[in-house]
N, C-alpha and C. Protein backbone atom coordinates (compact mmCIF):
# COMPACT_ATOMS: atom_id res chain seq x y z
N MET A 1 0.82 -1.19 0.00
CA MET A 1 0.00 0.00 0.00
C MET A 1 0.87 1.26 0.00
N PHE A 2 1.86 1.32 0.90
CA PHE A 2 2.71 2.51 0.99
C PHE A 2 3.60 2.66 -0.23
N ALA A 3 4.09 1.55 -0.75
CA ALA A 3 4.92 1.60 -1.96
C ALA A 3 4.11 2.15 -3.13
N ASN A 4 2.87 1.73 -3.24
CA ASN A 4 1.99 2.22 -4.30
C ASN A 4 1.75 3.72 -4.16
N MET A 5 1.51 4.17 -2.94
CA MET A 5 1.29 5.60 -2.70
C MET A 5 2.54 6.41 -3.05
N LEU A 6 3.71 5.91 -2.64
CA LEU A 6 4.95 6.60 -2.94
C LEU A 6 5.18 6.66 -4.44
N SER A 7 4.92 5.56 -5.10
CA SER A 7 5.10 5.49 -6.54
C SER A 7 4.20 6.49 -7.26
N GLN A 8 2.94 6.55 -6.87
CA GLN A 8 1.99 7.44 -7.51
C GLN A 8 2.27 8.92 -7.22
N ARG A 9 2.60 9.22 -5.97
CA ARG A 9 2.79 10.62 -5.57
C ARG A 9 4.11 11.21 -6.06
N ARG A 10 5.14 10.38 -6.15
CA ARG A 10 6.47 10.90 -6.49
C ARG A 10 6.97 10.43 -7.84
N GLY A 11 6.19 9.60 -8.55
CA GLY A 11 6.60 9.14 -9.86
C GLY A 11 7.77 8.18 -9.83
N ILE A 12 7.92 7.47 -8.73
CA ILE A 12 9.01 6.50 -8.57
C ILE A 12 8.53 5.15 -9.07
N ASP A 13 9.40 4.42 -9.76
CA ASP A 13 9.04 3.07 -10.21
C ASP A 13 8.61 2.23 -9.02
N GLN A 14 7.61 1.39 -9.22
CA GLN A 14 7.04 0.57 -8.15
C GLN A 14 8.09 -0.29 -7.43
N PRO A 15 8.99 -0.99 -8.14
CA PRO A 15 9.98 -1.81 -7.41
C PRO A 15 10.91 -0.97 -6.52
N ILE A 16 11.28 0.20 -6.99
CA ILE A 16 12.15 1.06 -6.18
C ILE A 16 11.36 1.62 -5.00
N ALA A 17 10.13 2.00 -5.22
CA ALA A 17 9.28 2.48 -4.13
C ALA A 17 9.13 1.40 -3.07
N GLY A 18 8.97 0.15 -3.49
CA GLY A 18 8.88 -0.96 -2.54
C GLY A 18 10.16 -1.11 -1.73
N SER A 19 11.30 -0.96 -2.39
CA SER A 19 12.58 -1.06 -1.69
C SER A 19 12.74 0.08 -0.68
N VAL A 20 12.32 1.27 -1.06
CA VAL A 20 12.41 2.42 -0.16
C VAL A 20 11.52 2.19 1.07
N ILE A 21 10.30 1.77 0.85
CA ILE A 21 9.38 1.53 1.97
C ILE A 21 9.91 0.41 2.86
N ASN A 22 10.44 -0.66 2.26
CA ASN A 22 11.02 -1.74 3.07
C ASN A 22 12.17 -1.22 3.93
N ALA A 23 13.01 -0.37 3.36
CA ALA A 23 14.13 0.20 4.12
C ALA A 23 13.62 1.06 5.27
N ILE A 24 12.58 1.84 5.00
CA ILE A 24 12.02 2.71 6.04
C ILE A 24 11.41 1.89 7.16
N ILE A 25 10.64 0.87 6.82
CA ILE A 25 10.00 0.05 7.85
C ILE A 25 11.06 -0.71 8.64
N GLY A 26 12.10 -1.22 7.95
CA GLY A 26 13.19 -1.88 8.66
C GLY A 26 13.86 -0.94 9.65
N HIS A 27 14.06 0.29 9.23
CA HIS A 27 14.66 1.31 10.11
C HIS A 27 13.74 1.57 11.31
N MET A 28 12.45 1.69 11.04
CA MET A 28 11.49 1.95 12.11
C MET A 28 11.54 0.85 13.16
N VAL A 29 11.59 -0.39 12.72
CA VAL A 29 11.62 -1.51 13.64
C VAL A 29 12.92 -1.49 14.45
N GLN A 30 14.05 -1.25 13.78
CA GLN A 30 15.35 -1.17 14.47
C GLN A 30 15.37 -0.09 15.53
N GLN A 31 14.80 1.05 15.21
CA GLN A 31 14.82 2.19 16.12
C GLN A 31 13.73 2.13 17.18
N GLY A 32 12.85 1.15 17.09
CA GLY A 32 11.79 1.03 18.06
C GLY A 32 10.60 1.92 17.78
N GLY A 33 10.58 2.56 16.61
CA GLY A 33 9.50 3.47 16.27
C GLY A 33 8.14 2.82 16.28
N VAL A 34 8.03 1.68 15.64
CA VAL A 34 6.77 0.95 15.62
C VAL A 34 7.02 -0.54 15.79
N GLY A 35 8.19 -0.88 16.28
CA GLY A 35 8.56 -2.28 16.42
C GLY A 35 7.55 -3.10 17.20
N ASN A 36 6.94 -2.50 18.23
CA ASN A 36 5.97 -3.24 19.02
C ASN A 36 4.72 -3.59 18.23
N LEU A 37 4.48 -2.90 17.12
CA LEU A 37 3.33 -3.22 16.28
C LEU A 37 3.51 -4.55 15.55
N PHE A 38 4.75 -5.01 15.47
CA PHE A 38 5.05 -6.21 14.70
C PHE A 38 5.47 -7.39 15.58
N SER A 39 5.39 -7.26 16.88
CA SER A 39 5.80 -8.36 17.75
C SER A 39 4.79 -9.50 17.66
N SER A 40 5.30 -10.70 17.79
CA SER A 40 4.41 -11.87 17.70
C SER A 40 3.53 -11.96 18.93
N GLY A 41 2.37 -12.49 18.75
CA GLY A 41 1.44 -12.67 19.85
C GLY A 41 0.78 -11.38 20.32
N ASP A 42 0.87 -10.33 19.53
CA ASP A 42 0.27 -9.07 19.94
C ASP A 42 -1.21 -9.02 19.55
N SER A 43 -1.87 -8.00 20.00
CA SER A 43 -3.30 -7.85 19.69
C SER A 43 -3.56 -6.70 18.74
N TYR A 44 -2.52 -6.23 18.04
CA TYR A 44 -2.69 -5.12 17.10
C TYR A 44 -3.39 -5.59 15.84
N THR A 45 -4.31 -4.78 15.36
CA THR A 45 -5.01 -5.08 14.12
C THR A 45 -4.22 -4.53 12.94
N TYR A 46 -4.61 -4.92 11.77
CA TYR A 46 -4.00 -4.39 10.54
C TYR A 46 -4.12 -2.87 10.53
N GLU A 47 -5.27 -2.35 10.93
CA GLU A 47 -5.49 -0.91 10.94
C GLU A 47 -4.58 -0.22 11.94
N ASP A 48 -4.34 -0.86 13.10
CA ASP A 48 -3.41 -0.31 14.08
C ASP A 48 -2.01 -0.19 13.48
N ARG A 49 -1.59 -1.24 12.80
CA ARG A 49 -0.26 -1.24 12.20
C ARG A 49 -0.13 -0.16 11.13
N MET A 50 -1.11 -0.10 10.25
CA MET A 50 -1.05 0.90 9.18
C MET A 50 -1.11 2.31 9.75
N GLY A 51 -1.92 2.53 10.76
CA GLY A 51 -1.99 3.85 11.39
C GLY A 51 -0.68 4.23 12.05
N GLY A 52 -0.03 3.26 12.71
CA GLY A 52 1.26 3.52 13.34
C GLY A 52 2.33 3.84 12.32
N ILE A 53 2.34 3.12 11.21
CA ILE A 53 3.31 3.36 10.15
C ILE A 53 3.06 4.72 9.52
N GLN A 54 1.80 5.03 9.24
CA GLN A 54 1.47 6.33 8.64
C GLN A 54 1.89 7.48 9.55
N SER A 55 1.66 7.33 10.83
CA SER A 55 2.03 8.36 11.78
C SER A 55 3.54 8.55 11.81
N TYR A 56 4.29 7.45 11.83
CA TYR A 56 5.75 7.52 11.85
C TYR A 56 6.27 8.17 10.58
N LEU A 57 5.75 7.76 9.42
CA LEU A 57 6.17 8.34 8.15
C LEU A 57 5.86 9.82 8.08
N SER A 58 4.71 10.21 8.59
CA SER A 58 4.32 11.61 8.60
C SER A 58 5.30 12.42 9.44
N GLY A 59 5.71 11.87 10.57
CA GLY A 59 6.68 12.55 11.42
C GLY A 59 8.02 12.71 10.72
N LEU A 60 8.43 11.69 9.99
CA LEU A 60 9.69 11.77 9.24
C LEU A 60 9.62 12.86 8.19
N GLY A 61 8.49 12.95 7.51
CA GLY A 61 8.33 13.92 6.44
C GLY A 61 8.38 15.36 6.91
N ARG A 62 8.16 15.58 8.18
CA ARG A 62 8.14 16.95 8.70
C ARG A 62 9.53 17.49 9.02
N GLY A 63 10.54 16.63 9.07
CA GLY A 63 11.83 17.20 9.45
C GLY A 63 12.98 16.23 9.48
N ILE A 64 13.25 15.56 8.41
CA ILE A 64 14.38 14.66 8.37
C ILE A 64 15.55 15.37 7.69
N GLN A 65 16.71 15.29 8.29
CA GLN A 65 17.89 15.97 7.78
C GLN A 65 18.66 15.08 6.82
N GLN A 66 19.43 15.68 5.94
CA GLN A 66 20.19 14.96 4.92
C GLN A 66 21.17 13.96 5.52
N ASP A 67 21.70 14.24 6.72
CA ASP A 67 22.67 13.33 7.33
C ASP A 67 22.02 12.25 8.19
N HIS A 68 20.71 12.19 8.20
CA HIS A 68 19.99 11.17 8.97
C HIS A 68 20.32 9.78 8.44
N HIS A 69 20.46 8.82 9.33
CA HIS A 69 20.80 7.44 8.95
C HIS A 69 19.82 6.88 7.91
N LEU A 70 18.55 7.17 8.05
CA LEU A 70 17.55 6.66 7.13
C LEU A 70 17.75 7.22 5.73
N VAL A 71 18.10 8.49 5.62
CA VAL A 71 18.36 9.09 4.31
C VAL A 71 19.52 8.38 3.64
N GLN A 72 20.57 8.13 4.40
CA GLN A 72 21.74 7.43 3.86
C GLN A 72 21.38 6.01 3.44
N LEU A 73 20.54 5.35 4.20
CA LEU A 73 20.11 4.00 3.88
C LEU A 73 19.32 3.97 2.57
N VAL A 74 18.39 4.89 2.42
CA VAL A 74 17.57 4.96 1.20
C VAL A 74 18.43 5.32 -0.01
N GLN A 75 19.42 6.19 0.17
CA GLN A 75 20.27 6.58 -0.93
C GLN A 75 21.11 5.41 -1.45
N GLN A 76 21.28 4.38 -0.66
CA GLN A 76 22.05 3.21 -1.09
C GLN A 76 21.24 2.28 -2.00
N ILE A 77 19.95 2.49 -2.09
CA ILE A 77 19.09 1.63 -2.91
C ILE A 77 19.37 1.94 -4.38
N PRO A 78 19.71 0.92 -5.16
CA PRO A 78 19.98 1.15 -6.60
C PRO A 78 18.78 1.76 -7.31
N GLY A 79 19.04 2.74 -8.17
CA GLY A 79 17.99 3.38 -8.94
C GLY A 79 17.43 4.59 -8.27
């Protein structure tokens, strides 16, 4: 869902958008941003997970600096 939105809004090829979103979600889990939404045996619904991811992404969009680890990670994605 998020890869499709990124692809449509920014004109990025779908496979690259998927790689970017995967990198972002991996970073979120590593940093504890929404990691608890993905723990096994939890009671979070699909909507809870999507809402948590959307909220985290929205926060990133408001003020991420060029030297941020996530920016460097995404820049390493081919294409």
